[in-house]
Protein backbone atom coordinates (compact mmCIF):
# COMPACT_ATOMS: atom_id res chain seq x y z
CA MET A 1 194.77 182.26 273.67
CA SER A 2 192.13 184.46 275.27
CA LEU A 3 193.08 187.87 276.62
CA SER A 4 190.61 187.59 279.48
CA ARG A 5 193.30 186.50 282.02
CA SER A 6 195.85 189.12 281.02
CA GLU A 7 197.63 191.49 283.39
CA VAL A 8 197.10 195.06 282.21
CA GLY A 9 198.60 198.36 283.25
CA ILE A 10 196.71 201.63 282.84
CA VAL A 11 198.32 205.08 283.03
CA GLY A 12 195.80 207.63 284.30
CA ALA A 13 193.20 207.27 287.06
CA GLY A 14 190.78 209.88 285.72
CA PRO A 15 187.21 208.92 284.78
CA THR A 16 188.30 207.13 281.58
CA GLY A 17 191.08 205.11 283.21
CA ALA A 18 188.87 204.14 286.14
CA LEU A 19 185.94 203.10 283.93
CA LEU A 20 188.18 201.12 281.57
CA ALA A 21 189.69 199.33 284.57
CA ILE A 22 186.21 198.32 285.73
CA PHE A 23 185.34 196.91 282.30
CA LEU A 24 188.59 194.94 282.05
CA GLN A 25 188.48 193.64 285.61
CA ARG A 26 184.92 192.42 284.95
CA LEU A 27 186.31 190.47 281.99
CA GLY A 28 188.69 188.62 284.28
CA MET A 29 191.85 190.70 283.85
CA LYS A 30 194.18 191.86 286.60
CA VAL A 31 194.44 195.64 286.31
CA GLU A 32 196.87 198.06 287.92
CA ILE A 33 196.54 201.83 287.45
CA TYR A 34 199.40 204.34 287.72
CA GLU A 35 198.40 207.95 288.39
CA ARG A 36 200.68 210.97 288.73
CA ARG A 37 198.36 212.87 291.06
CA SER A 38 197.34 212.08 294.63
CA ASP A 39 194.18 210.14 295.41
CA PRO A 40 191.19 212.33 294.35
CA ARG A 41 189.01 210.54 296.89
CA LYS A 42 190.90 212.53 299.53
CA GLU A 43 190.41 215.90 297.77
CA LEU A 44 187.74 218.42 298.71
CA SER A 45 187.77 220.50 295.52
CA ALA A 46 189.45 221.08 292.18
CA SER A 47 189.50 224.88 292.15
CA GLY A 48 190.47 226.46 288.88
CA ARG A 49 190.01 223.27 286.89
CA SER A 50 186.91 221.91 285.21
CA ILE A 51 184.73 220.88 288.13
CA ASN A 52 181.62 219.80 286.28
CA LEU A 53 180.95 217.96 283.07
CA ALA A 54 178.04 217.16 280.75
CA LEU A 55 176.89 213.55 280.88
CA ALA A 56 174.71 212.47 277.95
CA ASP A 57 173.23 209.25 276.58
CA ARG A 58 176.50 207.74 275.32
CA GLY A 59 178.17 208.18 278.68
CA ILE A 60 175.11 206.94 280.58
CA HIS A 61 174.98 203.86 278.34
CA ALA A 62 178.65 203.10 279.08
CA LEU A 63 178.16 203.52 282.83
CA ALA A 64 175.15 201.21 282.68
CA ARG A 65 177.13 198.58 280.74
CA ALA A 66 179.82 198.74 283.44
CA GLY A 67 177.22 198.28 286.17
CA VAL A 68 177.93 201.60 287.88
CA ILE A 69 175.12 203.89 286.77
CA GLY A 70 173.28 203.34 290.06
CA ASP A 71 176.28 204.76 291.90
CA ILE A 72 176.37 207.84 289.65
CA ILE A 73 172.67 208.81 289.41
CA PRO A 74 172.57 210.68 292.77
CA ALA A 75 175.20 213.14 291.45
CA MET A 76 173.43 213.88 288.14
CA LEU A 77 171.63 217.22 287.68
CA PRO A 78 169.25 217.16 284.66
CA LEU A 79 169.36 220.06 282.17
CA ARG A 80 166.47 220.39 279.74
CA GLY A 81 167.87 223.04 277.41
CA ARG A 82 170.02 226.07 276.74
CA LEU A 83 168.92 229.26 278.48
CA ILE A 84 170.17 232.12 276.31
CA HIS A 85 170.98 235.44 278.03
CA ALA A 86 170.83 238.45 275.70
CA PRO A 87 172.90 241.60 276.39
CA ASP A 88 169.76 243.43 277.55
CA GLY A 89 169.02 240.76 280.14
CA ALA A 90 166.23 239.00 278.23
CA THR A 91 166.30 235.21 278.37
CA SER A 92 164.93 232.44 276.17
CA LEU A 93 165.01 228.68 276.59
CA GLN A 94 166.00 226.46 273.67
CA PRO A 95 164.99 222.89 274.62
CA TYR A 96 167.53 220.17 273.84
CA GLY A 97 164.81 217.83 272.64
CA GLN A 98 161.11 217.19 272.84
CA ARG A 99 160.87 213.99 274.90
CA PRO A 100 161.13 213.71 278.71
CA ASN A 101 164.35 211.69 278.47
CA GLU A 102 166.06 214.14 276.11
CA VAL A 103 168.08 215.97 278.71
CA ILE A 104 171.76 216.15 279.53
CA HIS A 105 173.13 216.00 283.04
CA ALA A 106 175.66 218.19 284.80
CA ILE A 107 177.92 216.19 287.07
CA SER A 108 180.89 217.02 289.26
CA ARG A 109 184.07 215.74 287.64
CA LEU A 110 185.58 215.18 291.07
CA ARG A 111 182.62 213.26 292.44
CA LEU A 112 182.35 211.16 289.26
CA ASN A 113 186.06 210.34 289.44
CA GLN A 114 185.86 209.54 293.14
CA THR A 115 182.89 207.22 292.63
CA LEU A 116 184.41 205.35 289.69
CA LEU A 117 187.68 204.84 291.53
CA ASP A 118 185.89 203.68 294.64
CA VAL A 119 183.90 201.13 292.63
CA ALA A 120 187.04 199.98 290.79
CA VAL A 121 189.02 199.49 294.01
CA ARG A 122 186.42 198.30 296.50
CA ARG A 123 184.07 196.34 294.28
CA HIS A 124 186.45 194.98 291.65
CA GLY A 125 189.85 194.86 293.32
CA VAL A 126 191.70 197.17 290.93
CA GLN A 127 195.05 198.26 292.38
CA VAL A 128 195.81 201.97 292.01
CA HIS A 129 199.24 203.54 292.53
CA PHE A 130 198.90 207.28 293.16
CA GLU A 131 201.79 209.74 292.84
CA HIS A 132 203.32 207.49 290.17
CA PRO A 133 204.01 209.58 287.03
CA LEU A 134 205.22 208.01 283.78
CA GLU A 135 208.73 209.27 282.96
CA ASP A 136 209.98 207.22 280.02
CA ALA A 137 209.60 203.96 278.15
CA ASP A 138 211.91 201.37 276.61
CA PHE A 139 210.10 200.08 273.54
CA THR A 140 212.84 197.56 272.79
CA GLY A 141 212.50 195.92 276.18
CA ALA A 142 208.76 196.70 276.47
CA VAL A 143 209.19 198.38 279.85
CA ALA A 144 207.75 201.70 281.06
CA HIS A 145 209.65 203.75 283.61
CA ILE A 146 207.30 205.04 286.29
CA ARG A 147 208.51 207.02 289.29
CA ASP A 148 207.19 206.28 292.76
CA LEU A 149 207.24 209.79 294.21
CA ARG A 150 206.66 208.58 297.76
CA GLN A 151 209.69 206.28 297.73
CA ASN A 152 211.69 208.34 295.20
CA ARG A 153 212.45 205.33 293.03
CA VAL A 154 211.81 204.36 289.42
CA LEU A 155 209.79 201.23 288.71
CA GLY A 156 210.08 199.13 285.58
CA VAL A 157 206.50 198.33 284.56
CA PRO A 158 206.10 195.71 281.78
CA MET A 159 204.09 196.90 278.80
CA HIS A 160 202.10 193.75 278.15
CA PRO A 161 200.23 195.99 277.46
CA LEU A 162 200.13 199.49 278.95
CA LEU A 163 196.95 201.42 278.19
CA LEU A 164 197.32 205.20 278.13
CA CYS A 165 194.35 207.06 279.60
CA ASP A 166 196.48 210.02 280.59
CA GLY A 167 194.55 212.77 278.86
CA ALA A 168 194.99 215.38 276.18
CA ALA A 169 198.55 216.20 277.30
CA SER A 170 199.50 212.48 277.38
CA PRO A 171 203.25 212.17 278.09
CA MET A 172 203.31 208.73 276.45
CA ARG A 173 201.65 209.96 273.25
CA ARG A 174 204.20 212.76 273.01
CA LEU A 175 207.00 210.28 273.73
CA MET A 176 205.78 207.84 271.07
CA SER A 177 205.43 210.70 268.59
CA SER A 178 208.89 212.14 269.31
CA ARG A 179 210.43 208.74 268.59
CA GLY A 180 208.59 208.33 265.31
CA LEU A 181 206.47 205.41 266.53
CA ILE A 182 203.18 207.16 265.77
CA ASP A 183 202.06 210.39 264.09
CA ALA A 184 200.45 212.88 266.46
CA ARG A 185 199.61 216.55 266.48
CA GLU A 186 197.81 218.97 268.76
CA THR A 187 195.83 221.76 267.09
CA GLU A 188 195.25 224.70 269.41
CA LEU A 189 192.13 226.84 269.14
CA ASP A 190 192.82 230.58 269.21
CA HIS A 191 190.49 230.81 272.22
CA GLY A 192 191.12 229.76 275.81
CA TYR A 193 188.97 229.60 278.92
CA LYS A 194 188.84 230.55 282.59
CA GLU A 195 186.53 229.18 285.24
CA LEU A 196 184.58 231.56 287.47
CA THR A 197 182.01 230.89 290.19
CA ILE A 198 178.39 231.84 290.79
CA PRO A 199 178.05 230.97 294.49
CA ALA A 200 174.87 229.63 296.03
CA GLY A 201 172.41 232.01 297.62
CA VAL A 202 172.32 232.58 301.37
CA ASP A 203 169.74 229.80 301.60
CA GLY A 204 172.08 227.38 299.79
CA ARG A 205 169.94 227.33 296.65
CA HIS A 206 170.81 228.03 293.03
CA ARG A 207 170.36 231.71 292.18
CA ILE A 208 169.47 231.11 288.53
CA ALA A 209 167.56 228.24 286.91
CA LYS A 210 169.31 224.98 287.82
CA ASP A 211 167.73 222.89 285.04
CA ALA A 212 169.46 224.56 282.10
CA LEU A 213 172.85 225.23 280.57
CA HIS A 214 173.16 229.02 280.70
CA ILE A 215 174.82 230.74 277.73
CA TRP A 216 175.73 234.39 277.30
CA PRO A 217 176.65 234.47 273.57
CA ARG A 218 178.63 237.55 272.53
CA GLY A 219 179.99 236.82 269.06
CA ASN A 220 183.70 236.25 269.49
CA HIS A 221 183.38 235.27 273.15
CA MET A 222 180.85 233.75 275.51
CA LEU A 223 180.14 232.74 279.08
CA ILE A 224 178.41 229.50 280.03
CA ALA A 225 177.31 228.19 283.42
CA LEU A 226 176.52 224.68 284.68
CA PRO A 227 174.95 223.92 288.08
CA ASN A 228 176.70 222.14 290.92
CA GLU A 229 175.09 220.08 293.67
CA ASP A 230 175.94 222.63 296.37
CA GLY A 231 173.80 225.37 294.81
CA SER A 232 176.66 227.06 293.01
CA PHE A 233 177.36 227.27 289.28
CA THR A 234 180.65 226.83 287.48
CA ALA A 235 180.81 229.63 284.92
CA THR A 236 183.30 229.22 282.09
CA LEU A 237 184.47 232.24 280.09
CA PHE A 238 185.67 231.51 276.54
CA LEU A 239 187.71 234.33 275.08
CA PRO A 240 190.38 234.85 272.37
CA GLN A 241 193.92 234.37 273.64
CA ARG A 242 195.13 237.52 271.83
CA GLY A 243 193.54 240.63 270.31
CA ALA A 244 191.70 243.78 271.29
CA VAL A 245 189.44 241.92 273.73
CA SER A 246 191.33 238.87 274.91
CA PHE A 247 193.00 237.22 277.85
CA GLN A 248 196.17 239.00 276.79
CA SER A 249 194.54 242.45 276.75
CA LEU A 250 192.76 242.07 280.11
CA ALA A 251 195.88 242.62 282.15
CA ASP A 252 194.63 244.45 285.26
CA ALA A 253 191.67 244.41 287.63
CA ASN A 254 190.04 247.54 286.21
CA ALA A 255 190.09 246.20 282.66
CA ILE A 256 188.67 242.88 283.83
CA GLU A 257 185.91 244.60 285.78
CA ARG A 258 184.92 246.80 282.83
CA PHE A 259 184.84 243.81 280.48
CA LEU A 260 182.74 241.55 282.72
CA SER A 261 180.33 244.32 283.68
CA SER A 262 179.74 245.44 280.10
CA SER A 263 179.56 241.98 278.50
CA PHE A 264 177.60 240.14 281.20
CA PRO A 265 175.84 242.76 283.36
CA ASP A 266 173.03 240.47 284.54
CA VAL A 267 175.37 237.86 285.97
CA ARG A 268 178.26 240.07 287.10
CA ALA A 269 176.39 240.90 290.32
CA LEU A 270 176.10 237.16 291.04
CA MET A 271 179.87 236.60 290.82
CA PRO A 272 181.40 238.59 293.70
CA ASN A 273 184.84 237.02 293.34
CA CYS A 274 185.06 236.90 289.56
CA VAL A 275 187.82 239.49 289.13
CA ALA A 276 190.09 237.73 291.61
CA GLU A 277 189.24 234.36 290.04
CA PHE A 278 190.01 235.75 286.60
CA GLN A 279 193.42 236.86 287.83
CA ASN A 280 194.24 233.72 289.83
CA HIS A 281 192.75 230.85 287.86
CA PRO A 282 194.82 229.41 285.00
CA THR A 283 193.84 230.07 281.40
CA GLY A 284 192.82 226.69 280.01
CA PHE A 285 194.00 225.25 276.72
CA LEU A 286 191.43 224.42 274.04
CA GLY A 287 192.51 222.12 271.27
CA THR A 288 192.10 218.90 269.34
CA VAL A 289 194.43 215.91 269.41
CA TYR A 290 194.93 213.80 266.29
CA ALA A 291 196.99 210.60 266.40
CA SER A 292 197.57 207.63 264.09
CA PRO A 293 197.89 204.81 264.86
CA TRP A 294 196.75 204.72 268.46
CA HIS A 295 199.13 201.94 269.44
CA TYR A 296 202.60 200.52 269.03
CA ARG A 297 203.17 196.77 268.48
CA GLY A 298 200.72 195.61 271.10
CA MET A 299 202.79 197.22 273.87
CA ALA A 300 201.11 200.56 274.34
CA GLY A 301 197.65 201.73 273.32
CA LEU A 302 196.02 205.15 273.55
CA VAL A 303 192.43 205.30 274.85
CA GLY A 304 190.25 208.37 275.36
CA ASP A 305 191.61 211.92 275.30
CA SER A 306 195.20 210.72 274.88
CA ALA A 307 194.18 209.54 271.39
CA HIS A 308 191.54 212.09 270.37
CA ALA A 309 190.94 214.99 272.76
CA ILE A 310 188.35 217.44 271.43
CA VAL A 311 187.12 220.92 272.29
CA PRO A 312 184.26 220.95 274.83
CA PHE A 313 181.56 222.63 272.77
CA HIS A 314 179.37 219.61 272.11
CA GLY A 315 179.49 218.23 275.64
CA GLN A 316 180.90 214.97 274.26
CA GLY A 317 184.51 214.73 275.44
CA MET A 318 183.85 212.47 278.41
CA ASN A 319 180.97 210.69 276.68
CA CYS A 320 183.19 209.86 273.71
CA CYS A 321 185.90 208.53 276.04
CA PHE A 322 183.38 206.36 277.86
CA GLU A 323 182.19 205.05 274.50
CA ASP A 324 185.83 204.07 273.85
CA CYS A 325 185.71 201.92 276.98
CA VAL A 326 182.64 200.03 275.73
CA GLU A 327 184.23 199.45 272.31
CA PHE A 328 187.56 198.39 273.83
CA ALA A 329 185.82 195.81 276.03
CA GLU A 330 183.98 194.45 272.99
CA CYS A 331 187.29 194.15 271.11
CA VAL A 332 188.76 192.17 274.03
CA ARG A 333 186.08 189.53 273.51
CA ARG A 334 186.99 189.12 269.83
CA HIS A 335 190.80 188.89 269.91
CA SER A 336 193.62 186.73 271.22
CA SER A 337 196.45 189.22 270.59
CA TRP A 338 196.85 192.80 271.77
CA ASP A 339 198.26 193.94 268.44
CA ALA A 340 195.14 192.74 266.60
CA LEU A 341 192.88 194.20 269.29
CA PHE A 342 194.55 197.62 269.13
CA ALA A 343 194.35 197.62 265.33
CA GLU A 344 190.62 196.88 265.28
CA PHE A 345 189.89 199.32 268.09
CA GLY A 346 191.58 202.15 266.21
CA THR A 347 189.97 201.21 262.90
CA ARG A 348 186.50 201.22 264.45
CA ARG A 349 186.85 204.27 266.64
CA LYS A 350 188.98 206.77 264.74
CA PRO A 351 186.37 207.63 262.06
CA GLN A 352 183.89 208.24 264.88
CA THR A 353 186.23 210.41 266.96
CA ASP A 354 187.27 212.42 263.90
CA ALA A 355 183.58 213.10 263.25
CA ILE A 356 182.80 214.32 266.76
CA ALA A 357 185.98 216.43 266.78
CA ALA A 358 184.74 218.27 263.69
CA MET A 359 181.22 218.66 265.07
CA ALA A 360 182.54 220.01 268.38
CA LEU A 361 184.48 222.72 266.57
CA GLU A 362 181.39 223.64 264.54
CA ASN A 363 179.31 223.83 267.70
CA TYR A 364 181.53 226.55 269.16
CA LEU A 365 180.42 229.02 266.50
CA GLU A 366 176.84 227.93 267.11
CA MET A 367 177.04 228.48 270.87
CA ARG A 368 178.81 231.82 270.93
CA GLU A 369 176.98 233.41 268.00
CA ARG A 370 174.28 231.50 266.11
CA VAL A 371 172.03 230.64 269.08
CA ALA A 372 171.00 234.31 269.20
CA ASP A 373 170.19 234.47 265.46
CA PRO A 374 166.42 234.41 264.66
CA CYS A 375 167.09 232.45 261.45
CA PHE A 376 168.96 229.77 263.41
CA GLN A 377 166.17 229.66 266.00
CA LEU A 378 163.59 229.14 263.24
CA GLN A 379 165.65 226.29 261.77
CA GLN A 380 165.92 224.68 265.20
CA ALA A 381 162.14 224.89 265.66
CA LEU A 382 161.63 223.43 262.19
CA ALA A 383 164.03 220.59 262.95
CA LEU A 384 161.96 219.59 265.99
CA GLU A 385 158.74 219.81 263.95
CA LEU A 386 160.19 217.64 261.18
CA GLU A 387 161.29 215.09 263.78
CA LYS A 388 157.70 214.91 265.03
CA ARG A 389 156.42 214.32 261.49
CA HIS A 390 159.19 212.01 260.27
CA PRO A 391 160.75 210.40 263.38
CA GLN A 392 162.46 207.56 261.50
CA ARG A 393 164.05 209.82 258.92
CA PHE A 394 164.70 213.24 260.49
CA ILE A 395 166.41 213.50 263.86
CA PRO A 396 168.22 216.79 264.59
CA ARG A 397 171.99 216.33 264.56
CA TYR A 398 172.29 217.54 268.14
CA SER A 399 169.78 214.91 269.22
CA MET A 400 171.55 212.16 267.29
CA VAL A 401 174.80 213.01 269.06
CA MET A 402 173.42 213.60 272.55
CA PHE A 403 170.44 211.25 272.91
CA HIS A 404 171.09 208.29 270.58
CA HIS A 405 174.10 206.22 271.59
CA GLU A 406 173.11 203.66 268.96
CA ILE A 407 173.76 206.16 266.13
CA PRO A 408 177.51 206.41 265.37
CA TYR A 409 179.03 209.89 265.38
CA LEU A 410 180.02 209.58 261.72
CA LEU A 411 176.48 208.76 260.67
CA ALA A 412 175.15 211.69 262.72
CA GLN A 413 177.65 213.97 260.97
CA GLN A 414 176.73 212.70 257.50
CA ARG A 415 172.99 212.93 258.02
CA GLY A 416 173.38 216.23 259.84
CA SER A 417 175.05 217.75 256.80
CA ILE A 418 172.09 216.78 254.60
CA GLN A 419 169.61 218.07 257.17
CA THR A 420 171.41 221.42 257.45
CA GLN A 421 171.01 221.88 253.69
CA LEU A 422 167.32 220.94 253.91
CA LEU A 423 166.65 223.37 256.76
CA ALA A 424 168.40 226.22 254.99
CA GLY A 425 166.38 225.66 251.85
CA LEU A 426 163.05 225.25 253.62
CA THR A 427 163.47 228.42 255.72
CA ALA A 428 164.76 230.67 252.93
CA GLY A 429 162.39 233.64 252.93
CA ALA A 430 160.37 232.24 255.87
CA ALA A 431 159.64 234.22 259.03
CA THR A 432 157.72 231.56 260.98
CA LEU A 433 156.91 227.85 260.74
CA ALA A 434 153.64 228.81 259.06
CA ASP A 435 155.68 229.97 256.04
CA VAL A 436 157.36 226.57 255.55
CA ASP A 437 156.25 224.32 252.68
CA PHE A 438 155.81 221.03 254.56
CA ALA A 439 154.77 219.11 251.44
CA ARG A 440 158.13 220.00 249.90
CA ALA A 441 159.84 219.10 253.16
CA GLU A 442 158.27 215.62 253.15
CA SER A 443 159.26 215.01 249.55
CA GLU A 444 162.88 216.06 250.10
CA ILE A 445 163.23 214.13 253.34
CA LYS A 446 161.96 210.91 251.77
CA SER A 447 164.25 211.31 248.77
CA ARG A 448 167.41 212.22 250.70
CA LEU A 449 167.18 210.52 254.10
CA ALA A 450 166.75 206.77 254.44
CA PRO A 451 164.95 205.49 257.56
CA ILE A 452 167.49 205.86 260.33
CA MET A 453 167.21 202.43 261.91
CA GLN A 454 167.61 200.62 258.58
CA GLU A 455 170.71 202.64 257.67
CA GLN A 456 172.16 202.42 261.16
CA LEU A 457 171.78 198.64 261.36
CA SER A 458 173.42 198.31 257.97
CA ASP A 459 176.32 200.47 259.21
CA ARG A 460 176.78 198.29 262.28
CA ALA A 461 176.71 195.01 260.36
């Protein structure tokens, strides 16, 4: 029996839950979403939370497959590279790629969520129940207990199935884990984050370049800034939770002021409210979620961050979740039972999400420290040059992840490891690209890297 006429419940009306609902409704299913928060379409802001995200090729591909990219494009702000801010105020741009389409896009999380929900409800008839948090579940009777906060009553929602798109702190994942139904763990990074604001200028325009991701790398901490549509920037400070210079140690306004002024003098003047924001905004959690399996007996399945939340340092959290939605929809077409579908979905996706989780952690060190290293900068320049000379064999790992949705994360990780070794060897003792032995580079690339399309198609078969 086909699953295409199934009734499906989704917990979580964030971007992942809304996009998954669109995919499933398009396949003929009847979808109902249960969300603990109020309707974000009625909100004006999300102060103190992540208010913009990085949308890259994988996410764009998923939105296009769902038929909603046209609704999203007006909110996308293209970024062509990283603009590095040195302590002395000097800046340098490190392009993301070398083709016009090799950009990432900043997008308001709130506007993206509002648009996806509006499309799901108005265009596809998805029913959404706001202020309906999940409280418990009876896995013997296959019923979830969801509280209707408006009516102060508990609803029994059949899990036939219930898809959990309720984020990194998923109550259902923790419930399933506590009852021994799945194995799950949350690994916390020893750094946290706070969001600050660079307001628009008096003319409503951006006060620093709006076509770049700004990074102030400072070794064990860093500040980044992404543009918003209204001319402002969301600046995110990443800092150790504990230690000599940490969120714990910055306990009063004077200490905060001294730290921000000494670490980021060029941008401090552009953030008039940063001390108050530092004191009032919550310190965000950074961590990775690992779970196995992602489902229980065809009743409940984890999708997106609830299954595999990652740290944000590769700009792939949302993109990876959207890729889940594409894969899940493809699995629906191939199966007649939810248990079999969940099993294949987890088997196909978990190696990929494990790979991007590892790469995201590695990218944190790169962003806060290595981007300012001349040796790293030379290797990045060499990587782009080798891509020009050997486009079917050498694609920088960052580009494979960000600009090639057809290349699986695991393959990007595997090839990236080989390429890192090649770059290190080719730049040993080199000061500029003119010092690189390109004949040796060609020989090593041909011997160690198969043509990418041939290997990728074999992997997909």
